[in-house]
Amino acid sequence: MIIVGLTFMSVMLFEPFETLLLWITMNTCCRKDRKLQTLVNKNLEGHRNRNSKTSIMFTLAMSFTIFSASAFSLISTMISSEA
């Protein structure tokens, strides 16, 4: 349940992080492309549903990978201590 809860918390933070990343990109390295900021913003809003589904899948996959790696580490430590 912790993994699912953290996944949904990260999905809630995905939209502000996306907006922050767009702002940082347009104000630092891509100053000549600032005219495209409204177009990129509209594109992000138009694909918001698909982006949120993708972020859920990505976050669940990463959290499962981290959880399984820690479980395998715990099992290997337990086996070596028992032996």
N, C-alpha and C. Protein backbone atom coordinates (compact mmCIF):
# COMPACT_ATOMS: atom_id res chain seq x y z
N MET A 1 0.82 -1.19 0.00
CA MET A 1 0.00 0.00 0.00
C MET A 1 0.87 1.26 0.00
N ILE A 2 2.07 1.14 0.59
CA ILE A 2 2.96 2.30 0.60
C ILE A 2 3.37 2.66 -0.82
N ILE A 3 3.66 1.64 -1.62
CA ILE A 3 4.07 1.89 -3.01
C ILE A 3 2.95 2.55 -3.79
N VAL A 4 1.73 2.07 -3.62
CA VAL A 4 0.60 2.66 -4.33
C VAL A 4 0.36 4.09 -3.87
N GLY A 5 0.45 4.33 -2.56
CA GLY A 5 0.27 5.68 -2.03
C GLY A 5 1.32 6.65 -2.53
N LEU A 6 2.57 6.22 -2.52
CA LEU A 6 3.64 7.09 -3.03
C LEU A 6 3.51 7.32 -4.53
N THR A 7 3.02 6.32 -5.25
CA THR A 7 2.81 6.48 -6.68
C THR A 7 1.77 7.55 -6.96
N PHE A 8 0.68 7.51 -6.24
CA PHE A 8 -0.36 8.51 -6.48
C PHE A 8 0.06 9.89 -5.98
N MET A 9 0.89 9.96 -4.95
CA MET A 9 1.42 11.25 -4.54
C MET A 9 2.33 11.83 -5.62
N SER A 10 3.13 10.97 -6.23
CA SER A 10 4.02 11.46 -7.28
C SER A 10 3.24 11.86 -8.53
N VAL A 11 2.12 11.20 -8.79
CA VAL A 11 1.28 11.58 -9.93
C VAL A 11 0.65 12.94 -9.68
N MET A 12 0.29 13.22 -8.43
CA MET A 12 -0.27 14.54 -8.11
C MET A 12 0.79 15.62 -8.30
N LEU A 13 2.05 15.30 -8.08
CA LEU A 13 3.12 16.28 -8.23
C LEU A 13 3.65 16.36 -9.66
N PHE A 14 3.15 15.48 -10.55
CA PHE A 14 3.68 15.42 -11.90
C PHE A 14 3.36 16.68 -12.70
N GLU A 15 2.14 17.19 -12.60
CA GLU A 15 1.76 18.37 -13.37
C GLU A 15 2.54 19.62 -12.97
N PRO A 16 2.68 19.93 -11.67
CA PRO A 16 3.52 21.09 -11.32
C PRO A 16 4.98 20.91 -11.71
N PHE A 17 5.50 19.68 -11.61
CA PHE A 17 6.88 19.42 -12.01
C PHE A 17 7.05 19.62 -13.51
N GLU A 18 6.05 19.21 -14.28
CA GLU A 18 6.07 19.38 -15.73
C GLU A 18 6.08 20.87 -16.08
N THR A 19 5.26 21.65 -15.41
CA THR A 19 5.21 23.10 -15.64
C THR A 19 6.52 23.77 -15.25
N LEU A 20 7.08 23.34 -14.12
CA LEU A 20 8.37 23.89 -13.68
C LEU A 20 9.47 23.56 -14.67
N LEU A 21 9.48 22.35 -15.16
CA LEU A 21 10.50 21.94 -16.13
C LEU A 21 10.37 22.75 -17.43
N LEU A 22 9.14 22.99 -17.87
CA LEU A 22 8.93 23.83 -19.06
C LEU A 22 9.44 25.24 -18.82
N TRP A 23 9.14 25.81 -17.65
CA TRP A 23 9.58 27.17 -17.36
C TRP A 23 11.10 27.26 -17.30
N ILE A 24 11.73 26.29 -16.64
CA ILE A 24 13.20 26.29 -16.55
C ILE A 24 13.82 26.16 -17.92
N THR A 25 13.28 25.28 -18.74
CA THR A 25 13.82 25.06 -20.08
C THR A 25 13.70 26.31 -20.93
N MET A 26 12.54 26.95 -20.89
CA MET A 26 12.32 28.13 -21.74
C MET A 26 13.06 29.36 -21.25
N ASN A 27 13.43 29.41 -19.98
CA ASN A 27 14.10 30.59 -19.45
C ASN A 27 15.61 30.44 -19.30
N THR A 28 16.15 29.26 -19.58
CA THR A 28 17.60 29.10 -19.45
C THR A 28 18.25 28.78 -20.78
N CYS A 29 18.09 27.59 -21.26
CA CYS A 29 18.85 27.17 -22.44
C CYS A 29 18.14 27.46 -23.76
N CYS A 30 16.85 27.65 -23.75
CA CYS A 30 16.09 27.82 -25.00
C CYS A 30 15.44 29.19 -25.07
N ARG A 31 16.18 30.23 -24.76
CA ARG A 31 15.59 31.57 -24.77
C ARG A 31 15.11 31.99 -26.14
N LYS A 32 15.78 31.52 -27.18
CA LYS A 32 15.37 31.91 -28.54
C LYS A 32 14.05 31.25 -28.94
N ASP A 33 13.64 30.21 -28.23
CA ASP A 33 12.40 29.50 -28.55
C ASP A 33 11.27 29.85 -27.58
N ARG A 34 11.34 31.01 -26.93
CA ARG A 34 10.31 31.38 -25.96
C ARG A 34 8.95 31.55 -26.60
N LYS A 35 8.91 31.83 -27.90
CA LYS A 35 7.63 31.98 -28.59
C LYS A 35 6.87 30.66 -28.64
N LEU A 36 7.59 29.57 -28.51
CA LEU A 36 6.97 28.24 -28.56
C LEU A 36 6.39 27.81 -27.21
N GLN A 37 6.59 28.61 -26.17
CA GLN A 37 6.15 28.19 -24.84
C GLN A 37 4.63 27.99 -24.79
N THR A 38 3.87 28.87 -25.42
CA THR A 38 2.41 28.70 -25.41
C THR A 38 2.00 27.46 -26.18
N LEU A 39 2.69 27.18 -27.28
CA LEU A 39 2.38 25.98 -28.06
C LEU A 39 2.70 24.71 -27.28
N VAL A 40 3.84 24.70 -26.62
CA VAL A 40 4.23 23.53 -25.82
C VAL A 40 3.27 23.36 -24.65
N ASN A 41 2.87 24.47 -24.03
CA ASN A 41 1.94 24.41 -22.91
C ASN A 41 0.58 23.86 -23.35
N LYS A 42 0.08 24.30 -24.50
CA LYS A 42 -1.18 23.77 -25.03
C LYS A 42 -1.06 22.29 -25.36
N ASN A 43 0.08 21.90 -25.88
CA ASN A 43 0.32 20.49 -26.20
C ASN A 43 0.32 19.64 -24.94
N LEU A 44 0.96 20.15 -23.87
CA LEU A 44 0.97 19.42 -22.61
C LEU A 44 -0.43 19.29 -22.02
N GLU A 45 -1.22 20.36 -22.14
CA GLU A 45 -2.59 20.30 -21.64
C GLU A 45 -3.45 19.36 -22.48
N GLY A 46 -3.22 19.34 -23.79
CA GLY A 46 -3.99 18.46 -24.66
C GLY A 46 -3.70 16.99 -24.42
N HIS A 47 -2.48 16.68 -24.01
CA HIS A 47 -2.09 15.29 -23.77
C HIS A 47 -2.02 14.97 -22.28
N ARG A 48 -2.70 15.74 -21.46
CA ARG A 48 -2.63 15.58 -20.01
C ARG A 48 -3.07 14.18 -19.57
N ASN A 49 -4.14 13.65 -20.18
CA ASN A 49 -4.63 12.31 -19.83
C ASN A 49 -3.57 11.25 -20.11
N ARG A 50 -3.03 11.29 -21.31
CA ARG A 50 -2.02 10.30 -21.70
C ARG A 50 -0.75 10.46 -20.87
N ASN A 51 -0.36 11.70 -20.59
CA ASN A 51 0.84 11.94 -19.78
C ASN A 51 0.66 11.41 -18.36
N SER A 52 -0.55 11.57 -17.80
CA SER A 52 -0.75 11.09 -16.43
C SER A 52 -0.75 9.57 -16.39
N LYS A 53 -1.31 8.92 -17.40
CA LYS A 53 -1.28 7.45 -17.45
C LYS A 53 0.15 6.95 -17.59
N THR A 54 0.93 7.62 -18.41
CA THR A 54 2.32 7.22 -18.61
C THR A 54 3.12 7.42 -17.32
N SER A 55 2.87 8.52 -16.62
CA SER A 55 3.60 8.75 -15.37
C SER A 55 3.21 7.72 -14.31
N ILE A 56 1.95 7.30 -14.29
CA ILE A 56 1.54 6.25 -13.35
C ILE A 56 2.27 4.95 -13.66
N MET A 57 2.31 4.57 -14.93
CA MET A 57 2.99 3.33 -15.32
C MET A 57 4.48 3.40 -14.99
N PHE A 58 5.10 4.52 -15.30
CA PHE A 58 6.53 4.67 -15.04
C PHE A 58 6.84 4.63 -13.55
N THR A 59 6.02 5.33 -12.75
CA THR A 59 6.27 5.35 -11.31
C THR A 59 6.05 4.00 -10.68
N LEU A 60 5.01 3.28 -11.11
CA LEU A 60 4.78 1.94 -10.58
C LEU A 60 5.91 1.00 -10.95
N ALA A 61 6.40 1.10 -12.17
CA ALA A 61 7.51 0.24 -12.60
C ALA A 61 8.76 0.54 -11.79
N MET A 62 9.07 1.80 -11.60
CA MET A 62 10.26 2.17 -10.82
C MET A 62 10.12 1.75 -9.36
N SER A 63 8.95 1.95 -8.79
CA SER A 63 8.77 1.57 -7.39
C SER A 63 8.84 0.06 -7.22
N PHE A 64 8.30 -0.70 -8.17
CA PHE A 64 8.40 -2.15 -8.08
C PHE A 64 9.85 -2.60 -8.23
N THR A 65 10.59 -1.95 -9.11
CA THR A 65 12.00 -2.30 -9.29
C THR A 65 12.79 -2.05 -8.00
N ILE A 66 12.56 -0.91 -7.39
CA ILE A 66 13.26 -0.59 -6.14
C ILE A 66 12.85 -1.56 -5.04
N PHE A 67 11.54 -1.86 -4.95
CA PHE A 67 11.05 -2.78 -3.92
C PHE A 67 11.64 -4.18 -4.12
N SER A 68 11.65 -4.67 -5.36
CA SER A 68 12.18 -6.01 -5.60
C SER A 68 13.68 -6.08 -5.34
N ALA A 69 14.41 -5.02 -5.69
CA ALA A 69 15.85 -5.01 -5.42
C ALA A 69 16.13 -5.04 -3.91
N SER A 70 15.35 -4.29 -3.16
CA SER A 70 15.56 -4.31 -1.70
C SER A 70 15.13 -5.65 -1.11
N ALA A 71 14.10 -6.27 -1.67
CA ALA A 71 13.67 -7.58 -1.17
C ALA A 71 14.73 -8.64 -1.47
N PHE A 72 15.30 -8.61 -2.67
CA PHE A 72 16.36 -9.56 -3.01
C PHE A 72 17.58 -9.36 -2.12
N SER A 73 17.90 -8.12 -1.82
CA SER A 73 19.03 -7.83 -0.93
C SER A 73 18.76 -8.37 0.47
N LEU A 74 17.53 -8.18 0.94
CA LEU A 74 17.16 -8.69 2.25
C LEU A 74 17.21 -10.21 2.29
N ILE A 75 16.72 -10.86 1.24
CA ILE A 75 16.72 -12.32 1.19
C ILE A 75 18.15 -12.86 1.15
N SER A 76 19.01 -12.24 0.36
CA SER A 76 20.39 -12.73 0.29
C SER A 76 21.11 -12.55 1.62
N THR A 77 20.85 -11.44 2.32
CA THR A 77 21.44 -11.24 3.64
C THR A 77 20.91 -12.27 4.64
N MET A 78 19.62 -12.57 4.56
CA MET A 78 19.02 -13.54 5.47
C MET A 78 19.57 -14.94 5.21
N ILE A 79 19.74 -15.30 3.94
CA ILE A 79 20.27 -16.63 3.60
C ILE A 79 21.71 -16.76 4.10
N SER A 80 22.53 -15.72 3.89
CA SER A 80 23.91 -15.81 4.33
C SER A 80 24.03 -15.85 5.86
N SER A 81 23.15 -15.16 6.56
CA SER A 81 23.20 -15.20 8.02
C SER A 81 22.72 -16.55 8.56
N GLU A 82 21.80 -17.18 7.87
CA GLU A 82 21.34 -18.50 8.28
C GLU A 82 22.37 -19.59 8.01
N ALA A 83 23.14 -19.39 6.96
CA ALA A 83 24.15 -20.40 6.60
C ALA A 83 25.31 -20.27 7.55
